[in-house]
Amino acid sequence: MEGTVDPSHSRPRTKIVAHKHDGSLVKGYLDAPAPTLESLFARSYEPFPEMLQLRDVSDSQHHGVNIADLKAVFYVKEFDGSKHYNEVKIFANIPLIQGIWVQVKFRDGEYLEGVVHNSIHHLVEKGFFMKPPDPESNNEMVYVLKKSVTEYRVLGVRANY
């Protein structure tokens, strides 16, 4: 996801939907480009911030969201996905994407599958980025907070040697 450009600031605006532990959602814009698997593989590592500075959906106010309150951060194409689209939540076959194919189960019972970058950072940091299996999904990338996860299963690995 490239993010849209805010003409008043000439910076990328990335749409996110933050899922809180209590089930509520916080929607807003980050003034930063959205992560992609390519950017995660290519760039030097930067820790995820403790506080997300978001502009609300109406683009009128900034507010902080503490990641300690969050289950996961979804980088999305649109704030409201299609209610008629049946998202594919698991890979039918081993993914063609380089990385570690994982399945996570959250404390609230939700399962997600995706591909994570094969590096030490997803093991030692408070969370990790995961690319969901459905390219047609509204979700482009997910930042999973490990404290919200009750199960983490490695389903496969794809690497270039």
C-alpha atoms as a PDB file:
ATOM      1  CA  MET A   1       0.000   0.000   0.000  1.00  0.00           C
ATOM      2  CA  GLU A   2       1.509   3.274  -1.040  1.00  0.00           C
ATOM      3  CA  GLY A   3      -0.705   5.557   1.013  1.00  0.00           C
ATOM      4  CA  THR A   4      -2.365   8.655  -0.315  1.00  0.00           C
ATOM      5  CA  VAL A   5      -0.624  12.006  -0.345  1.00  0.00           C
ATOM      6  CA  ASP A   6      -1.963  14.793   1.817  1.00  0.00           C
ATOM      7  CA  PRO A   7      -1.844  17.890  -0.422  1.00  0.00           C
ATOM      8  CA  SER A   8      -1.617  20.251   2.546  1.00  0.00           C
ATOM      9  CA  HIS A   9       1.427  18.479   3.977  1.00  0.00           C
ATOM     10  CA  SER A  10       2.869  16.666   0.906  1.00  0.00           C
ATOM     11  CA  ARG A  11       3.413  13.561   3.024  1.00  0.00           C
ATOM     12  CA  PRO A  12       1.996  10.068   2.660  1.00  0.00           C
ATOM     13  CA  ARG A  13      -1.167   9.405   4.603  1.00  0.00           C
ATOM     14  CA  THR A  14      -1.596   5.785   5.552  1.00  0.00           C
ATOM     15  CA  LYS A  15      -4.997   4.497   6.598  1.00  0.00           C
ATOM     16  CA  ILE A  16      -5.018   2.312   9.685  1.00  0.00           C
ATOM     17  CA  VAL A  17      -7.619   0.622  11.826  1.00  0.00           C
ATOM     18  CA  ALA A  18      -6.304  -0.118  15.304  1.00  0.00           C
ATOM     19  CA  HIS A  19      -8.084  -2.943  17.141  1.00  0.00           C
ATOM     20  CA  LYS A  20      -8.182  -2.459  20.897  1.00  0.00           C
ATOM     21  CA  HIS A  21      -8.288  -5.232  23.497  1.00  0.00           C
ATOM     22  CA  ASP A  22     -11.854  -4.268  24.411  1.00  0.00           C
ATOM     23  CA  GLY A  23     -13.022  -4.864  20.816  1.00  0.00           C
ATOM     24  CA  SER A  24     -13.323  -1.203  19.876  1.00  0.00           C
ATOM     25  CA  LEU A  25     -11.673   0.268  16.794  1.00  0.00           C
ATOM     26  CA  VAL A  26      -9.687   3.443  16.246  1.00  0.00           C
ATOM     27  CA  LYS A  27      -9.508   4.633  12.635  1.00  0.00           C
ATOM     28  CA  GLY A  28      -7.188   7.303  11.365  1.00  0.00           C
ATOM     29  CA  TYR A  29      -4.269   8.420   9.229  1.00  0.00           C
ATOM     30  CA  LEU A  30      -0.589   7.944  10.009  1.00  0.00           C
ATOM     31  CA  ASP A  31       1.740  10.508   8.487  1.00  0.00           C
ATOM     32  CA  ALA A  32       4.077   7.818   7.226  1.00  0.00           C
ATOM     33  CA  PRO A  33       4.211   5.378   4.337  1.00  0.00           C
ATOM     34  CA  ALA A  34       2.633   1.997   4.913  1.00  0.00           C
ATOM     35  CA  PRO A  35       5.016  -0.921   5.364  1.00  0.00           C
ATOM     36  CA  THR A  36       5.340  -3.509   2.626  1.00  0.00           C
ATOM     37  CA  LEU A  37       7.191  -6.811   2.695  1.00  0.00           C
ATOM     38  CA  GLU A  38       9.740  -5.291   0.349  1.00  0.00           C
ATOM     39  CA  SER A  39      10.330  -2.339   2.670  1.00  0.00           C
ATOM     40  CA  LEU A  40      10.637  -4.659   5.667  1.00  0.00           C
ATOM     41  CA  PHE A  41      13.236  -6.760   3.830  1.00  0.00           C
ATOM     42  CA  ALA A  42      15.169  -3.781   2.460  1.00  0.00           C
ATOM     43  CA  ARG A  43      15.235  -1.142   5.178  1.00  0.00           C
ATOM     44  CA  SER A  44      17.187  -0.927   8.346  1.00  0.00           C
ATOM     45  CA  TYR A  45      15.166  -1.896  11.377  1.00  0.00           C
ATOM     46  CA  GLU A  46      13.159   0.747  13.220  1.00  0.00           C
ATOM     47  CA  PRO A  47      11.175  -0.258  16.323  1.00  0.00           C
ATOM     48  CA  PHE A  48       7.418   0.244  16.259  1.00  0.00           C
ATOM     49  CA  PRO A  49       6.485   3.395  18.231  1.00  0.00           C
ATOM     50  CA  GLU A  50       4.946   3.148  21.710  1.00  0.00           C
ATOM     51  CA  MET A  51       2.413   5.823  20.736  1.00  0.00           C
ATOM     52  CA  LEU A  52       0.770   6.186  17.333  1.00  0.00           C
ATOM     53  CA  GLN A  53       0.003   9.763  16.339  1.00  0.00           C
ATOM     54  CA  LEU A  54      -3.146   9.623  14.219  1.00  0.00           C
ATOM     55  CA  ARG A  55      -5.225  12.174  12.419  1.00  0.00           C
ATOM     56  CA  ASP A  56      -8.853  11.162  12.767  1.00  0.00           C
ATOM     57  CA  VAL A  57     -10.966  10.101   9.800  1.00  0.00           C
ATOM     58  CA  SER A  58     -12.390  13.609   9.413  1.00  0.00           C
ATOM     59  CA  ASP A  59      -8.751  14.786   9.177  1.00  0.00           C
ATOM     60  CA  SER A  60      -9.432  17.504  11.718  1.00  0.00           C
ATOM     61  CA  GLN A  61      -7.629  16.400  14.887  1.00  0.00           C
ATOM     62  CA  HIS A  62      -4.501  14.556  15.956  1.00  0.00           C
ATOM     63  CA  HIS A  63      -4.659  12.118  18.826  1.00  0.00           C
ATOM     64  CA  GLY A  64      -2.327   9.567  20.343  1.00  0.00           C
ATOM     65  CA  VAL A  65      -3.057   5.870  20.599  1.00  0.00           C
ATOM     66  CA  ASN A  66      -0.960   3.897  23.062  1.00  0.00           C
ATOM     67  CA  ILE A  67      -0.026   0.528  21.572  1.00  0.00           C
ATOM     68  CA  ALA A  68      -0.290  -1.023  25.048  1.00  0.00           C
ATOM     69  CA  ASP A  69      -4.078  -0.755  24.535  1.00  0.00           C
ATOM     70  CA  LEU A  70      -4.006  -2.529  21.182  1.00  0.00           C
ATOM     71  CA  LYS A  71      -4.397  -6.079  19.905  1.00  0.00           C
ATOM     72  CA  ALA A  72      -3.213  -5.258  16.368  1.00  0.00           C
ATOM     73  CA  VAL A  73      -2.856  -2.430  13.865  1.00  0.00           C
ATOM     74  CA  PHE A  74      -4.339  -3.070  10.415  1.00  0.00           C
ATOM     75  CA  TYR A  75      -2.973  -1.082   7.481  1.00  0.00           C
ATOM     76  CA  VAL A  76      -5.991  -0.842   5.188  1.00  0.00           C
ATOM     77  CA  LYS A  77      -7.016   0.286   1.716  1.00  0.00           C
ATOM     78  CA  GLU A  78     -10.254   1.817   3.015  1.00  0.00           C
ATOM     79  CA  PHE A  79     -11.531   2.529   6.520  1.00  0.00           C
ATOM     80  CA  ASP A  80     -14.694   0.522   5.873  1.00  0.00           C
ATOM     81  CA  GLY A  81     -14.047  -2.697   3.978  1.00  0.00           C
ATOM     82  CA  SER A  82     -16.677  -4.299   1.773  1.00  0.00           C
ATOM     83  CA  LYS A  83     -19.264  -6.046   3.914  1.00  0.00           C
ATOM     84  CA  HIS A  84     -20.054  -8.327   0.942  1.00  0.00           C
ATOM     85  CA  TYR A  85     -16.488  -9.537   0.399  1.00  0.00           C
ATOM     86  CA  ASN A  86     -15.625 -12.895   1.973  1.00  0.00           C
ATOM     87  CA  GLU A  87     -11.960 -12.466   2.914  1.00  0.00           C
ATOM     88  CA  VAL A  88      -9.582 -15.409   2.573  1.00  0.00           C
ATOM     89  CA  LYS A  89      -7.964 -15.758   5.997  1.00  0.00           C
ATOM     90  CA  ILE A  90      -5.694 -18.733   5.317  1.00  0.00           C
ATOM     91  CA  PHE A  91      -3.351 -19.692   2.485  1.00  0.00           C
ATOM     92  CA  ALA A  92      -4.666 -22.534   0.311  1.00  0.00           C
ATOM     93  CA  ASN A  93      -1.084 -23.637  -0.454  1.00  0.00           C
ATOM     94  CA  ILE A  94       2.358 -22.642   0.741  1.00  0.00           C
ATOM     95  CA  PRO A  95       2.693 -18.901   0.088  1.00  0.00           C
ATOM     96  CA  LEU A  96       4.820 -17.719  -2.806  1.00  0.00           C
ATOM     97  CA  ILE A  97       6.055 -14.831  -0.661  1.00  0.00           C
ATOM     98  CA  GLN A  98       9.494 -15.072   0.928  1.00  0.00           C
ATOM     99  CA  GLY A  99       9.318 -15.285   4.712  1.00  0.00           C
ATOM    100  CA  ILE A 100       7.887 -17.350   7.539  1.00  0.00           C
ATOM    101  CA  TRP A 101       4.298 -18.530   7.117  1.00  0.00           C
ATOM    102  CA  VAL A 102       2.610 -18.268  10.521  1.00  0.00           C
ATOM    103  CA  GLN A 103      -0.757 -18.600  12.177  1.00  0.00           C
ATOM    104  CA  VAL A 104      -1.595 -16.614  15.287  1.00  0.00           C
ATOM    105  CA  LYS A 105      -4.501 -16.917  17.677  1.00  0.00           C
ATOM    106  CA  PHE A 106      -5.465 -13.841  19.666  1.00  0.00           C
ATOM    107  CA  ARG A 107      -6.806 -13.793  23.224  1.00  0.00           C
ATOM    108  CA  ASP A 108     -10.271 -13.008  21.826  1.00  0.00           C
ATOM    109  CA  GLY A 109     -10.234 -16.249  19.765  1.00  0.00           C
ATOM    110  CA  GLU A 110      -9.564 -14.674  16.348  1.00  0.00           C
ATOM    111  CA  TYR A 111      -7.092 -16.510  14.103  1.00  0.00           C
ATOM    112  CA  LEU A 112      -4.936 -14.852  11.441  1.00  0.00           C
ATOM    113  CA  GLU A 113      -2.444 -16.294   8.991  1.00  0.00           C
ATOM    114  CA  GLY A 114       0.241 -14.433   7.165  1.00  0.00           C
ATOM    115  CA  VAL A 115       3.866 -14.131   6.228  1.00  0.00           C
ATOM    116  CA  VAL A 116       6.402 -12.456   8.516  1.00  0.00           C
ATOM    117  CA  HIS A 117       9.913 -11.325   7.702  1.00  0.00           C
ATOM    118  CA  ASN A 118      12.474 -13.978   8.626  1.00  0.00           C
ATOM    119  CA  SER A 119      14.617 -11.994  11.059  1.00  0.00           C
ATOM    120  CA  ILE A 120      15.381 -11.840  14.747  1.00  0.00           C
ATOM    121  CA  HIS A 121      13.155  -8.768  15.157  1.00  0.00           C
ATOM    122  CA  HIS A 122       9.856 -10.642  15.030  1.00  0.00           C
ATOM    123  CA  LEU A 123      11.120 -12.818  17.884  1.00  0.00           C
ATOM    124  CA  VAL A 124      12.557 -10.213  20.259  1.00  0.00           C
ATOM    125  CA  GLU A 125      10.325  -7.164  19.741  1.00  0.00           C
ATOM    126  CA  LYS A 126       6.898  -6.461  21.267  1.00  0.00           C
ATOM    127  CA  GLY A 127       5.215  -7.144  17.938  1.00  0.00           C
ATOM    128  CA  PHE A 128       5.728  -7.997  14.302  1.00  0.00           C
ATOM    129  CA  PHE A 129       4.431  -7.156  10.846  1.00  0.00           C
ATOM    130  CA  MET A 130       2.452  -9.825   9.034  1.00  0.00           C
ATOM    131  CA  LYS A 131       1.293  -9.873   5.391  1.00  0.00           C
ATOM    132  CA  PRO A 132      -2.213 -11.404   5.136  1.00  0.00           C
ATOM    133  CA  PRO A 133      -2.931 -14.124   2.521  1.00  0.00           C
ATOM    134  CA  ASP A 134      -5.657 -12.380   0.492  1.00  0.00           C
ATOM    135  CA  PRO A 135      -4.392  -9.814  -2.053  1.00  0.00           C
ATOM    136  CA  GLU A 136      -7.983  -8.635  -2.591  1.00  0.00           C
ATOM    137  CA  SER A 137      -8.530  -8.045   1.127  1.00  0.00           C
ATOM    138  CA  ASN A 138      -8.906  -4.573   2.562  1.00  0.00           C
ATOM    139  CA  ASN A 139      -5.983  -5.421   4.882  1.00  0.00           C
ATOM    140  CA  GLU A 140      -2.586  -4.709   3.342  1.00  0.00           C
ATOM    141  CA  MET A 141      -0.404  -5.420   6.387  1.00  0.00           C
ATOM    142  CA  VAL A 142      -0.975  -6.113  10.091  1.00  0.00           C
ATOM    143  CA  TYR A 143       1.191  -5.205  13.055  1.00  0.00           C
ATOM    144  CA  VAL A 144       0.485  -7.885  15.679  1.00  0.00           C
ATOM    145  CA  LEU A 145       1.150  -7.121  19.364  1.00  0.00           C
ATOM    146  CA  LYS A 146       2.534 -10.297  20.907  1.00  0.00           C
ATOM    147  CA  LYS A 147       0.896  -9.748  24.288  1.00  0.00           C
ATOM    148  CA  SER A 148      -2.441 -10.253  22.497  1.00  0.00           C
ATOM    149  CA  VAL A 149      -1.415 -13.620  21.053  1.00  0.00           C
ATOM    150  CA  THR A 150      -2.108 -16.927  22.802  1.00  0.00           C
ATOM    151  CA  GLU A 151      -0.793 -19.218  20.027  1.00  0.00           C
ATOM    152  CA  TYR A 152       1.926 -18.740  17.403  1.00  0.00           C
ATOM    153  CA  ARG A 153       2.481 -21.554  14.919  1.00  0.00           C
ATOM    154  CA  VAL A 154       5.045 -21.702  12.128  1.00  0.00           C
ATOM    155  CA  LEU A 155       3.406 -23.397   9.143  1.00  0.00           C
ATOM    156  CA  GLY A 156       6.254 -23.089   6.632  1.00  0.00           C
ATOM    157  CA  VAL A 157       9.245 -21.133   5.450  1.00  0.00           C
ATOM    158  CA  ARG A 158      10.140 -19.818   1.990  1.00  0.00           C
ATOM    159  CA  ALA A 159      13.577 -18.351   1.434  1.00  0.00           C
ATOM    160  CA  ASN A 160      15.955 -17.621  -1.422  1.00  0.00           C
ATOM    161  CA  TYR A 161      19.331 -19.266  -1.099  1.00  0.00           C
END
